[in-house]
PDB file of N, CA and C in Angstrom:
ATOM      1  N   MET A   1       0.869  -1.162   0.022  1.00  0.00           N
ATOM      2  CA  MET A   1       0.012   0.028   0.045  1.00  0.00           C
ATOM      3  C   MET A   1       0.886   1.207  -0.011  1.00  0.00           C
ATOM      4  N   THR A   2       0.564   2.274  -0.706  1.00  0.00           N
ATOM      5  CA  THR A   2       1.265   3.501  -0.804  1.00  0.00           C
ATOM      6  C   THR A   2       0.334   4.634  -0.460  1.00  0.00           C
ATOM      7  N   THR A   3       0.966   5.698   0.201  1.00  0.00           N
ATOM      8  CA  THR A   3       0.153   6.823   0.555  1.00  0.00           C
ATOM      9  C   THR A   3       0.453   8.017  -0.467  1.00  0.00           C
ATOM     10  N   GLY A   4       1.257   7.741  -1.424  1.00  0.00           N
ATOM     11  CA  GLY A   4       1.506   8.768  -2.471  1.00  0.00           C
ATOM     12  C   GLY A   4       2.050  10.051  -1.877  1.00  0.00           C
ATOM     13  N   ASN A   5       1.539  11.218  -2.276  1.00  0.00           N
ATOM     14  CA  ASN A   5       1.983  12.485  -1.791  1.00  0.00           C
ATOM     15  C   ASN A   5       1.333  12.915  -0.470  1.00  0.00           C
ATOM     16  N   GLU A   6       0.501  11.993   0.033  1.00  0.00           N
ATOM     17  CA  GLU A   6      -0.134  12.184   1.385  1.00  0.00           C
ATOM     18  C   GLU A   6      -0.972  13.377   1.418  1.00  0.00           C
ATOM     19  N   ALA A   7      -1.627  13.854   0.295  1.00  0.00           N
ATOM     20  CA  ALA A   7      -2.520  14.911   0.292  1.00  0.00           C
ATOM     21  C   ALA A   7      -3.824  14.637   1.026  1.00  0.00           C
ATOM     22  N   GLY A   8      -4.320  13.362   0.926  1.00  0.00           N
ATOM     23  CA  GLY A   8      -5.599  13.010   1.604  1.00  0.00           C
ATOM     24  C   GLY A   8      -5.373  12.158   2.883  1.00  0.00           C
ATOM     25  N   LEU A   9      -4.463  11.192   2.748  1.00  0.00           N
ATOM     26  CA  LEU A   9      -4.163  10.288   3.851  1.00  0.00           C
ATOM     27  C   LEU A   9      -2.710  10.278   4.108  1.00  0.00           C
ATOM     28  N   GLN A  10      -2.336  10.297   5.394  1.00  0.00           N
ATOM     29  CA  GLN A  10      -0.929  10.177   5.744  1.00  0.00           C
ATOM     30  C   GLN A  10      -0.699   8.790   6.221  1.00  0.00           C
ATOM     31  N   VAL A  11       0.645   8.395   6.339  1.00  0.00           N
ATOM     32  CA  VAL A  11       0.983   7.069   6.740  1.00  0.00           C
ATOM     33  C   VAL A  11       0.393   6.785   8.168  1.00  0.00           C
ATOM     34  N   ALA A  12       0.263   7.730   9.015  1.00  0.00           N
ATOM     35  CA  ALA A  12      -0.203   7.514  10.378  1.00  0.00           C
ATOM     36  C   ALA A  12      -1.731   7.151  10.276  1.00  0.00           C
ATOM     37  N   ASP A  13      -2.456   7.685   9.330  1.00  0.00           N
ATOM     38  CA  ASP A  13      -3.901   7.316   9.180  1.00  0.00           C
ATOM     39  C   ASP A  13      -4.074   5.792   8.747  1.00  0.00           C
ATOM     40  N   VAL A  14      -3.146   5.415   7.806  1.00  0.00           N
ATOM     41  CA  VAL A  14      -3.186   4.005   7.283  1.00  0.00           C
ATOM     42  C   VAL A  14      -2.880   3.053   8.461  1.00  0.00           C
ATOM     43  N   ILE A  15      -1.786   3.409   9.247  1.00  0.00           N
ATOM     44  CA  ILE A  15      -1.363   2.497  10.340  1.00  0.00           C
ATOM     45  C   ILE A  15      -2.478   2.399  11.345  1.00  0.00           C
ATOM     46  N   GLU A  16      -3.046   3.508  11.678  1.00  0.00           N
ATOM     47  CA  GLU A  16      -4.216   3.462  12.675  1.00  0.00           C
ATOM     48  C   GLU A  16      -5.364   2.599  12.124  1.00  0.00           C
ATOM     49  N   TRP A  17      -5.679   2.732  10.873  1.00  0.00           N
ATOM     50  CA  TRP A  17      -6.810   1.919  10.368  1.00  0.00           C
ATOM     51  C   TRP A  17      -6.447   0.423  10.357  1.00  0.00           C
ATOM     52  N   LEU A  18      -5.225   0.106  10.046  1.00  0.00           N
ATOM     53  CA  LEU A  18      -4.818  -1.274  10.058  1.00  0.00           C
ATOM     54  C   LEU A  18      -4.785  -1.827  11.418  1.00  0.00           C
ATOM     55  N   ALA A  19      -4.325  -1.015  12.398  1.00  0.00           N
ATOM     56  CA  ALA A  19      -4.181  -1.403  13.795  1.00  0.00           C
ATOM     57  C   ALA A  19      -5.577  -1.786  14.427  1.00  0.00           C
ATOM     58  N   HIS A  20      -6.637  -1.078  13.892  1.00  0.00           N
ATOM     59  CA  HIS A  20      -7.987  -1.413  14.403  1.00  0.00           C
ATOM     60  C   HIS A  20      -8.735  -2.343  13.583  1.00  0.00           C
ATOM     61  N   ASP A  21      -8.214  -2.817  12.467  1.00  0.00           N
ATOM     62  CA  ASP A  21      -8.887  -3.755  11.585  1.00  0.00           C
ATOM     63  C   ASP A  21      -8.784  -5.171  12.156  1.00  0.00           C
ATOM     64  N   PRO A  22      -9.978  -5.811  12.498  1.00  0.00           N
ATOM     65  CA  PRO A  22      -9.907  -7.074  13.133  1.00  0.00           C
ATOM     66  C   PRO A  22      -9.328  -8.195  12.230  1.00  0.00           C
ATOM     67  N   ASN A  23      -9.280  -8.032  10.970  1.00  0.00           N
ATOM     68  CA  ASN A  23      -8.695  -9.000  10.046  1.00  0.00           C
ATOM     69  C   ASN A  23      -7.186  -8.838   9.813  1.00  0.00           C
ATOM     70  N   THR A  24      -6.622  -7.773  10.368  1.00  0.00           N
ATOM     71  CA  THR A  24      -5.176  -7.535  10.246  1.00  0.00           C
ATOM     72  C   THR A  24      -4.457  -8.069  11.478  1.00  0.00           C
ATOM     73  N   ARG A  25      -3.562  -9.047  11.238  1.00  0.00           N
ATOM     74  CA  ARG A  25      -2.826  -9.663  12.366  1.00  0.00           C
ATOM     75  C   ARG A  25      -1.436  -9.070  12.494  1.00  0.00           C
ATOM     76  N   VAL A  26      -0.804  -8.654  11.419  1.00  0.00           N
ATOM     77  CA  VAL A  26       0.518  -8.157  11.389  1.00  0.00           C
ATOM     78  C   VAL A  26       0.635  -6.957  10.516  1.00  0.00           C
ATOM     79  N   ILE A  27       1.356  -5.929  10.926  1.00  0.00           N
ATOM     80  CA  ILE A  27       1.630  -4.745  10.131  1.00  0.00           C
ATOM     81  C   ILE A  27       3.098  -4.683  10.022  1.00  0.00           C
ATOM     82  N   LEU A  28       3.561  -4.783   8.730  1.00  0.00           N
ATOM     83  CA  LEU A  28       5.009  -4.624   8.433  1.00  0.00           C
ATOM     84  C   LEU A  28       5.095  -3.504   7.490  1.00  0.00           C
ATOM     85  N   ALA A  29       5.819  -2.419   7.800  1.00  0.00           N
ATOM     86  CA  ALA A  29       5.935  -1.277   6.990  1.00  0.00           C
ATOM     87  C   ALA A  29       7.347  -0.764   6.800  1.00  0.00           C
ATOM     88  N   TYR A  30       7.646  -0.350   5.689  1.00  0.00           N
ATOM     89  CA  TYR A  30       8.923   0.386   5.399  1.00  0.00           C
ATOM     90  C   TYR A  30       8.547   1.797   5.160  1.00  0.00           C
ATOM     91  N   ILE A  31       8.850   2.683   6.085  1.00  0.00           N
ATOM     92  CA  ILE A  31       8.464   4.100   6.058  1.00  0.00           C
ATOM     93  C   ILE A  31       9.662   4.925   5.886  1.00  0.00           C
ATOM     94  N   GLU A  32       9.745   5.639   4.746  1.00  0.00           N
ATOM     95  CA  GLU A  32      10.934   6.572   4.567  1.00  0.00           C
ATOM     96  C   GLU A  32      10.795   7.780   5.332  1.00  0.00           C
ATOM     97  N   GLY A  33       9.620   8.173   5.690  1.00  0.00           N
ATOM     98  CA  GLY A  33       9.385   9.390   6.462  1.00  0.00           C
ATOM     99  C   GLY A  33       8.011   9.562   6.919  1.00  0.00           C
ATOM    100  N   CYS A  34       7.773  10.322   7.933  1.00  0.00           N
ATOM    101  CA  CYS A  34       6.426  10.564   8.441  1.00  0.00           C
ATOM    102  C   CYS A  34       6.302  12.070   8.606  1.00  0.00           C
ATOM    103  N   ARG A  35       5.345  12.669   7.996  1.00  0.00           N
ATOM    104  CA  ARG A  35       5.170  14.153   8.100  1.00  0.00           C
ATOM    105  C   ARG A  35       4.900  14.614   9.490  1.00  0.00           C
ATOM    106  N   ASP A  36       4.104  13.832  10.202  1.00  0.00           N
ATOM    107  CA  ASP A  36       3.766  14.215  11.589  1.00  0.00           C
ATOM    108  C   ASP A  36       4.243  13.082  12.534  1.00  0.00           C
ATOM    109  N   ALA A  37       5.464  13.171  13.001  1.00  0.00           N
ATOM    110  CA  ALA A  37       6.067  12.077  13.849  1.00  0.00           C
ATOM    111  C   ALA A  37       5.193  11.804  15.064  1.00  0.00           C
ATOM    112  N   ARG A  38       4.662  12.854  15.718  1.00  0.00           N
ATOM    113  CA  ARG A  38       3.806  12.635  16.891  1.00  0.00           C
ATOM    114  C   ARG A  38       2.641  11.829  16.603  1.00  0.00           C
ATOM    115  N   ALA A  39       1.974  12.045  15.455  1.00  0.00           N
ATOM    116  CA  ALA A  39       0.792  11.311  15.036  1.00  0.00           C
ATOM    117  C   ALA A  39       1.204   9.808  14.756  1.00  0.00           C
ATOM    118  N   CYS A  40       2.338   9.650  14.108  1.00  0.00           N
ATOM    119  CA  CYS A  40       2.791   8.250  13.814  1.00  0.00           C
ATOM    120  C   CYS A  40       3.020   7.498  15.131  1.00  0.00           C
ATOM    121  N   ALA A  41       3.642   8.175  16.097  1.00  0.00           N
ATOM    122  CA  ALA A  41       3.920   7.531  17.338  1.00  0.00           C
ATOM    123  C   ALA A  41       2.635   7.235  18.155  1.00  0.00           C
ATOM    124  N   ARG A  42       1.744   8.172  18.091  1.00  0.00           N
ATOM    125  CA  ARG A  42       0.475   8.038  18.829  1.00  0.00           C
ATOM    126  C   ARG A  42      -0.385   6.889  18.209  1.00  0.00           C
ATOM    127  N   ARG A  43      -0.375   6.780  16.950  1.00  0.00           N
ATOM    128  CA  ARG A  43      -1.278   5.838  16.254  1.00  0.00           C
ATOM    129  C   ARG A  43      -0.698   4.500  15.937  1.00  0.00           C
ATOM    130  N   SER A  44       0.537   4.318  16.182  1.00  0.00           N
ATOM    131  CA  SER A  44       1.252   3.024  15.901  1.00  0.00           C
ATOM    132  C   SER A  44       0.946   2.022  16.956  1.00  0.00           C
ATOM    133  N   PRO A  45       0.887   0.759  16.617  1.00  0.00           N
ATOM    134  CA  PRO A  45       0.712  -0.309  17.612  1.00  0.00           C
ATOM    135  C   PRO A  45       1.860  -0.260  18.644  1.00  0.00           C
ATOM    136  N   PRO A  46       1.687  -0.749  19.842  1.00  0.00           N
ATOM    137  CA  PRO A  46       2.720  -0.622  20.834  1.00  0.00           C
ATOM    138  C   PRO A  46       4.051  -1.327  20.500  1.00  0.00           C
ATOM    139  N   ARG A  47       4.052  -2.257  19.604  1.00  0.00           N
ATOM    140  CA  ARG A  47       5.313  -2.973  19.300  1.00  0.00           C
ATOM    141  C   ARG A  47       5.967  -2.401  18.048  1.00  0.00           C
ATOM    142  N   ALA A  48       5.588  -1.236  17.577  1.00  0.00           N
ATOM    143  CA  ALA A  48       6.234  -0.660  16.375  1.00  0.00           C
ATOM    144  C   ALA A  48       7.567  -0.077  16.807  1.00  0.00           C
ATOM    145  N   ARG A  49       8.559  -0.388  15.975  1.00  0.00           N
ATOM    146  CA  ARG A  49       9.931   0.020  16.261  1.00  0.00           C
ATOM    147  C   ARG A  49      10.536   0.504  14.916  1.00  0.00           C
ATOM    148  N   PRO A  50      11.371   1.548  14.935  1.00  0.00           N
ATOM    149  CA  PRO A  50      12.092   1.933  13.754  1.00  0.00           C
ATOM    150  C   PRO A  50      13.108   0.883  13.380  1.00  0.00           C
ATOM    151  N   ALA A  51      13.369   0.696  12.098  1.00  0.00           N
ATOM    152  CA  ALA A  51      14.337  -0.318  11.707  1.00  0.00           C
ATOM    153  C   ALA A  51      15.770   0.209  11.939  1.00  0.00           C
ATOM    154  N   SER A  52      16.037   1.421  11.661  1.00  0.00           N
ATOM    155  CA  SER A  52      17.365   1.958  11.911  1.00  0.00           C
ATOM    156  C   SER A  52      17.284   3.468  11.767  1.00  0.00           C
ATOM    157  N   ARG A  53      18.346   4.125  12.133  1.00  0.00           N
ATOM    158  CA  ARG A  53      18.477   5.596  11.968  1.00  0.00           C
ATOM    159  C   ARG A  53      19.594   5.888  10.987  1.00  0.00           C
ATOM    160  N   SER A  54      19.390   6.946  10.218  1.00  0.00           N
ATOM    161  CA  SER A  54      20.461   7.295   9.309  1.00  0.00           C
ATOM    162  C   SER A  54      20.979   8.706   9.661  1.00  0.00           C
TER     163      SER A  54
END
């Protein structure tokens, strides 16, 4: 799934939706950036971890 230019939906919105979807068991994401880091942190499942820092 891609969020494109994030004009309508941001990556935080997609993660939140997947986290509350009863049919989703695992969320694996490669995120190059998040426009609103606080929203990403707030909406991410508790076991979400960054892969690495550059």
